[in-house]
Amino acid sequence: MKKLWIAWLTMAVMLFSDTQLSNPKPNIDNPRQFIFPITSDDEYEISHVLSSASNVMKFYGPQMCEVAIVCYGKGIKAVLKESHFFDTTIQPRLKSLMTYDVEFIACGNTMRTYNIDKKALLENVEVVTAGIVELIERQVGGWIYIRP
């Protein structure tokens, strides 16, 4: 009986403890805007950012949010055509996010430091002068910075 009561209580908490959206609620004309950094070539960290971005989009819906991912430092590896990951799901997941209009942004300073030509980047990756400045300016413009 005690186990049944605990199971019922757990289910009730799960049913009634949904996340409450803050005002103004997101809509097509006023979507939530999130920006994530990828600064490491560590596959676990890259995968974690991709999963976090995917989860945000699943929660809000792709029409109710805008997501950008800025790759700089060693994180530039995530958007290279010739990245060799042991986790072979990383690039397909990244390309899948692109189909939902997730912006992938490469740091021009990092590209110069590592002698990376724009042709070495995946298609549709935008290049900005400085990735860190892109993060700053997006936050000043109201984007929410997420560091998973």
C-alpha atoms as a PDB file:
ATOM      1  CA  MET A   1       0.000   0.000   0.000  1.00  0.00           C
ATOM      2  CA  LYS A   2       2.816   2.386   0.897  1.00  0.00           C
ATOM      3  CA  LYS A   3       4.525   1.739  -2.484  1.00  0.00           C
ATOM      4  CA  LEU A   4       1.261   2.424  -4.298  1.00  0.00           C
ATOM      5  CA  TRP A   5       0.831   5.720  -2.428  1.00  0.00           C
ATOM      6  CA  ILE A   6       4.423   6.798  -3.282  1.00  0.00           C
ATOM      7  CA  ALA A   7       3.911   5.868  -6.946  1.00  0.00           C
ATOM      8  CA  TRP A   8       0.664   7.865  -7.080  1.00  0.00           C
ATOM      9  CA  LEU A   9       2.261  10.881  -5.377  1.00  0.00           C
ATOM     10  CA  THR A  10       5.228  10.771  -7.750  1.00  0.00           C
ATOM     11  CA  MET A  11       2.923  10.640 -10.759  1.00  0.00           C
ATOM     12  CA  ALA A  12       0.820  13.523  -9.441  1.00  0.00           C
ATOM     13  CA  VAL A  13       3.924  15.675  -8.946  1.00  0.00           C
ATOM     14  CA  MET A  14       5.082  14.899 -12.477  1.00  0.00           C
ATOM     15  CA  LEU A  15       1.688  15.755 -13.957  1.00  0.00           C
ATOM     16  CA  PHE A  16       1.288  19.068 -12.167  1.00  0.00           C
ATOM     17  CA  SER A  17       4.849  20.417 -12.063  1.00  0.00           C
ATOM     18  CA  ASP A  18       5.226  21.610 -15.624  1.00  0.00           C
ATOM     19  CA  THR A  19       7.496  24.552 -16.344  1.00  0.00           C
ATOM     20  CA  GLN A  20       5.633  27.847 -16.253  1.00  0.00           C
ATOM     21  CA  LEU A  21       6.524  30.280 -19.028  1.00  0.00           C
ATOM     22  CA  SER A  22       7.446  33.811 -18.015  1.00  0.00           C
ATOM     23  CA  ASN A  23       5.812  36.849 -19.535  1.00  0.00           C
ATOM     24  CA  PRO A  24       5.980  37.886 -22.210  1.00  0.00           C
ATOM     25  CA  LYS A  25       5.349  34.368 -23.442  1.00  0.00           C
ATOM     26  CA  PRO A  26       7.255  33.401 -26.572  1.00  0.00           C
ATOM     27  CA  ASN A  27       5.439  33.597 -29.876  1.00  0.00           C
ATOM     28  CA  ILE A  28       6.328  33.740 -33.554  1.00  0.00           C
ATOM     29  CA  ASP A  29       6.773  37.523 -33.429  1.00  0.00           C
ATOM     30  CA  ASN A  30       8.671  37.477 -30.119  1.00  0.00           C
ATOM     31  CA  PRO A  31      10.613  34.200 -29.893  1.00  0.00           C
ATOM     32  CA  ARG A  32      12.975  33.270 -27.076  1.00  0.00           C
ATOM     33  CA  GLN A  33      16.559  33.805 -28.255  1.00  0.00           C
ATOM     34  CA  PHE A  34      19.385  31.606 -26.972  1.00  0.00           C
ATOM     35  CA  ILE A  35      23.094  31.635 -27.685  1.00  0.00           C
ATOM     36  CA  PHE A  36      25.464  28.819 -26.787  1.00  0.00           C
ATOM     37  CA  PRO A  37      29.268  28.724 -26.987  1.00  0.00           C
ATOM     38  CA  ILE A  38      31.389  25.781 -28.091  1.00  0.00           C
ATOM     39  CA  THR A  39      34.920  26.482 -26.907  1.00  0.00           C
ATOM     40  CA  SER A  40      36.349  22.984 -26.560  1.00  0.00           C
ATOM     41  CA  ASP A  41      37.186  20.194 -28.982  1.00  0.00           C
ATOM     42  CA  ASP A  42      36.062  17.705 -26.345  1.00  0.00           C
ATOM     43  CA  GLU A  43      33.405  15.534 -27.977  1.00  0.00           C
ATOM     44  CA  TYR A  44      31.392  15.166 -24.773  1.00  0.00           C
ATOM     45  CA  GLU A  45      31.178  18.950 -24.394  1.00  0.00           C
ATOM     46  CA  ILE A  46      30.254  19.495 -28.047  1.00  0.00           C
ATOM     47  CA  SER A  47      27.608  16.783 -27.808  1.00  0.00           C
ATOM     48  CA  HIS A  48      26.251  18.347 -24.619  1.00  0.00           C
ATOM     49  CA  VAL A  49      25.806  21.742 -26.321  1.00  0.00           C
ATOM     50  CA  LEU A  50      24.066  20.125 -29.304  1.00  0.00           C
ATOM     51  CA  SER A  51      21.760  18.178 -26.972  1.00  0.00           C
ATOM     52  CA  SER A  52      20.976  21.308 -24.949  1.00  0.00           C
ATOM     53  CA  ALA A  53      20.145  23.288 -28.088  1.00  0.00           C
ATOM     54  CA  SER A  54      17.974  20.433 -29.325  1.00  0.00           C
ATOM     55  CA  ASN A  55      16.146  20.211 -25.984  1.00  0.00           C
ATOM     56  CA  VAL A  56      15.440  23.954 -25.967  1.00  0.00           C
ATOM     57  CA  MET A  57      13.991  23.703 -29.466  1.00  0.00           C
ATOM     58  CA  LYS A  58      11.875  20.684 -28.530  1.00  0.00           C
ATOM     59  CA  PHE A  59      10.472  22.488 -25.500  1.00  0.00           C
ATOM     60  CA  TYR A  60       9.612  25.804 -27.155  1.00  0.00           C
ATOM     61  CA  GLY A  61       9.162  24.565 -30.706  1.00  0.00           C
ATOM     62  CA  PRO A  62      11.377  25.769 -33.548  1.00  0.00           C
ATOM     63  CA  GLN A  63       8.970  28.592 -34.442  1.00  0.00           C
ATOM     64  CA  MET A  64       9.014  29.987 -30.870  1.00  0.00           C
ATOM     65  CA  CYS A  65      12.783  30.250 -30.405  1.00  0.00           C
ATOM     66  CA  GLU A  66      15.948  31.291 -32.177  1.00  0.00           C
ATOM     67  CA  VAL A  67      19.169  29.461 -31.397  1.00  0.00           C
ATOM     68  CA  ALA A  68      22.745  30.394 -32.263  1.00  0.00           C
ATOM     69  CA  ILE A  69      25.903  28.440 -31.471  1.00  0.00           C
ATOM     70  CA  VAL A  70      29.238  30.271 -31.564  1.00  0.00           C
ATOM     71  CA  CYS A  71      32.338  28.139 -32.106  1.00  0.00           C
ATOM     72  CA  TYR A  72      35.694  29.587 -31.139  1.00  0.00           C
ATOM     73  CA  GLY A  73      39.017  28.433 -29.742  1.00  0.00           C
ATOM     74  CA  LYS A  74      39.313  24.675 -30.038  1.00  0.00           C
ATOM     75  CA  GLY A  75      35.528  24.534 -30.439  1.00  0.00           C
ATOM     76  CA  ILE A  76      36.005  25.510 -34.094  1.00  0.00           C
ATOM     77  CA  LYS A  77      36.501  21.780 -34.708  1.00  0.00           C
ATOM     78  CA  ALA A  78      32.729  21.302 -34.424  1.00  0.00           C
ATOM     79  CA  VAL A  79      32.078  23.158 -37.696  1.00  0.00           C
ATOM     80  CA  LEU A  80      34.965  21.862 -39.805  1.00  0.00           C
ATOM     81  CA  LYS A  81      34.135  19.646 -42.793  1.00  0.00           C
ATOM     82  CA  GLU A  82      37.067  17.380 -41.984  1.00  0.00           C
ATOM     83  CA  SER A  83      36.484  16.939 -38.260  1.00  0.00           C
ATOM     84  CA  HIS A  84      37.255  13.414 -37.176  1.00  0.00           C
ATOM     85  CA  PHE A  85      35.117  12.554 -34.184  1.00  0.00           C
ATOM     86  CA  PHE A  86      34.988   9.179 -32.488  1.00  0.00           C
ATOM     87  CA  ASP A  87      31.331  10.014 -31.823  1.00  0.00           C
ATOM     88  CA  THR A  88      30.092   9.777 -35.403  1.00  0.00           C
ATOM     89  CA  THR A  89      26.696  11.277 -34.467  1.00  0.00           C
ATOM     90  CA  ILE A  90      28.070  14.786 -33.814  1.00  0.00           C
ATOM     91  CA  GLN A  91      28.123  16.137 -37.358  1.00  0.00           C
ATOM     92  CA  PRO A  92      24.786  14.586 -38.408  1.00  0.00           C
ATOM     93  CA  ARG A  93      23.186  16.107 -35.288  1.00  0.00           C
ATOM     94  CA  LEU A  94      24.789  19.469 -36.042  1.00  0.00           C
ATOM     95  CA  LYS A  95      23.536  19.379 -39.633  1.00  0.00           C
ATOM     96  CA  SER A  96      20.087  18.380 -38.387  1.00  0.00           C
ATOM     97  CA  LEU A  97      19.990  21.466 -36.148  1.00  0.00           C
ATOM     98  CA  MET A  98      20.908  23.571 -39.175  1.00  0.00           C
ATOM     99  CA  THR A  99      17.750  22.356 -40.908  1.00  0.00           C
ATOM    100  CA  TYR A 100      15.800  23.973 -38.047  1.00  0.00           C
ATOM    101  CA  ASP A 101      17.571  27.293 -38.701  1.00  0.00           C
ATOM    102  CA  VAL A 102      19.998  27.022 -35.782  1.00  0.00           C
ATOM    103  CA  GLU A 103      22.800  29.460 -36.610  1.00  0.00           C
ATOM    104  CA  PHE A 104      26.329  28.126 -36.407  1.00  0.00           C
ATOM    105  CA  ILE A 105      28.907  30.867 -36.168  1.00  0.00           C
ATOM    106  CA  ALA A 106      32.682  30.535 -36.491  1.00  0.00           C
ATOM    107  CA  CYS A 107      35.170  32.959 -34.986  1.00  0.00           C
ATOM    108  CA  GLY A 108      37.337  34.687 -37.602  1.00  0.00           C
ATOM    109  CA  ASN A 109      40.102  35.298 -35.056  1.00  0.00           C
ATOM    110  CA  THR A 110      40.250  31.575 -34.287  1.00  0.00           C
ATOM    111  CA  MET A 111      40.291  30.771 -37.989  1.00  0.00           C
ATOM    112  CA  ARG A 112      43.277  33.102 -38.511  1.00  0.00           C
ATOM    113  CA  THR A 113      45.071  31.669 -35.472  1.00  0.00           C
ATOM    114  CA  TYR A 114      44.705  28.085 -36.751  1.00  0.00           C
ATOM    115  CA  ASN A 115      45.063  29.003 -40.466  1.00  0.00           C
ATOM    116  CA  ILE A 116      41.572  27.753 -41.297  1.00  0.00           C
ATOM    117  CA  ASP A 117      40.081  28.843 -44.608  1.00  0.00           C
ATOM    118  CA  LYS A 118      36.321  29.444 -44.906  1.00  0.00           C
ATOM    119  CA  LYS A 119      36.212  26.577 -47.439  1.00  0.00           C
ATOM    120  CA  ALA A 120      37.140  24.216 -44.586  1.00  0.00           C
ATOM    121  CA  LEU A 121      33.891  25.034 -42.751  1.00  0.00           C
ATOM    122  CA  LEU A 122      30.616  23.201 -43.154  1.00  0.00           C
ATOM    123  CA  GLU A 123      28.171  24.839 -45.526  1.00  0.00           C
ATOM    124  CA  ASN A 124      26.007  27.607 -43.994  1.00  0.00           C
ATOM    125  CA  VAL A 125      28.412  28.396 -41.136  1.00  0.00           C
ATOM    126  CA  GLU A 126      28.619  32.156 -40.701  1.00  0.00           C
ATOM    127  CA  VAL A 127      31.988  33.754 -39.921  1.00  0.00           C
ATOM    128  CA  VAL A 128      32.237  36.754 -37.590  1.00  0.00           C
ATOM    129  CA  THR A 129      35.300  38.778 -36.656  1.00  0.00           C
ATOM    130  CA  ALA A 130      35.401  37.641 -33.025  1.00  0.00           C
ATOM    131  CA  GLY A 131      33.271  34.899 -31.483  1.00  0.00           C
ATOM    132  CA  ILE A 132      33.460  36.336 -27.979  1.00  0.00           C
ATOM    133  CA  VAL A 133      32.262  39.730 -29.242  1.00  0.00           C
ATOM    134  CA  GLU A 134      29.358  37.991 -31.008  1.00  0.00           C
ATOM    135  CA  LEU A 135      28.361  36.465 -27.650  1.00  0.00           C
ATOM    136  CA  ILE A 136      28.584  39.853 -25.940  1.00  0.00           C
ATOM    137  CA  GLU A 137      26.606  41.708 -28.593  1.00  0.00           C
ATOM    138  CA  ARG A 138      23.873  39.068 -28.747  1.00  0.00           C
ATOM    139  CA  GLN A 139      23.485  39.262 -24.957  1.00  0.00           C
ATOM    140  CA  VAL A 140      23.301  43.055 -25.080  1.00  0.00           C
ATOM    141  CA  GLY A 141      20.619  42.601 -27.757  1.00  0.00           C
ATOM    142  CA  GLY A 142      18.530  40.432 -25.416  1.00  0.00           C
ATOM    143  CA  TRP A 143      19.726  36.918 -26.279  1.00  0.00           C
ATOM    144  CA  ILE A 144      20.017  34.510 -23.353  1.00  0.00           C
ATOM    145  CA  TYR A 145      23.486  33.037 -22.871  1.00  0.00           C
ATOM    146  CA  ILE A 146      23.457  29.332 -22.071  1.00  0.00           C
ATOM    147  CA  ARG A 147      26.591  27.524 -20.951  1.00  0.00           C
ATOM    148  CA  PRO A 148      25.644  23.850 -20.452  1.00  0.00           C
END
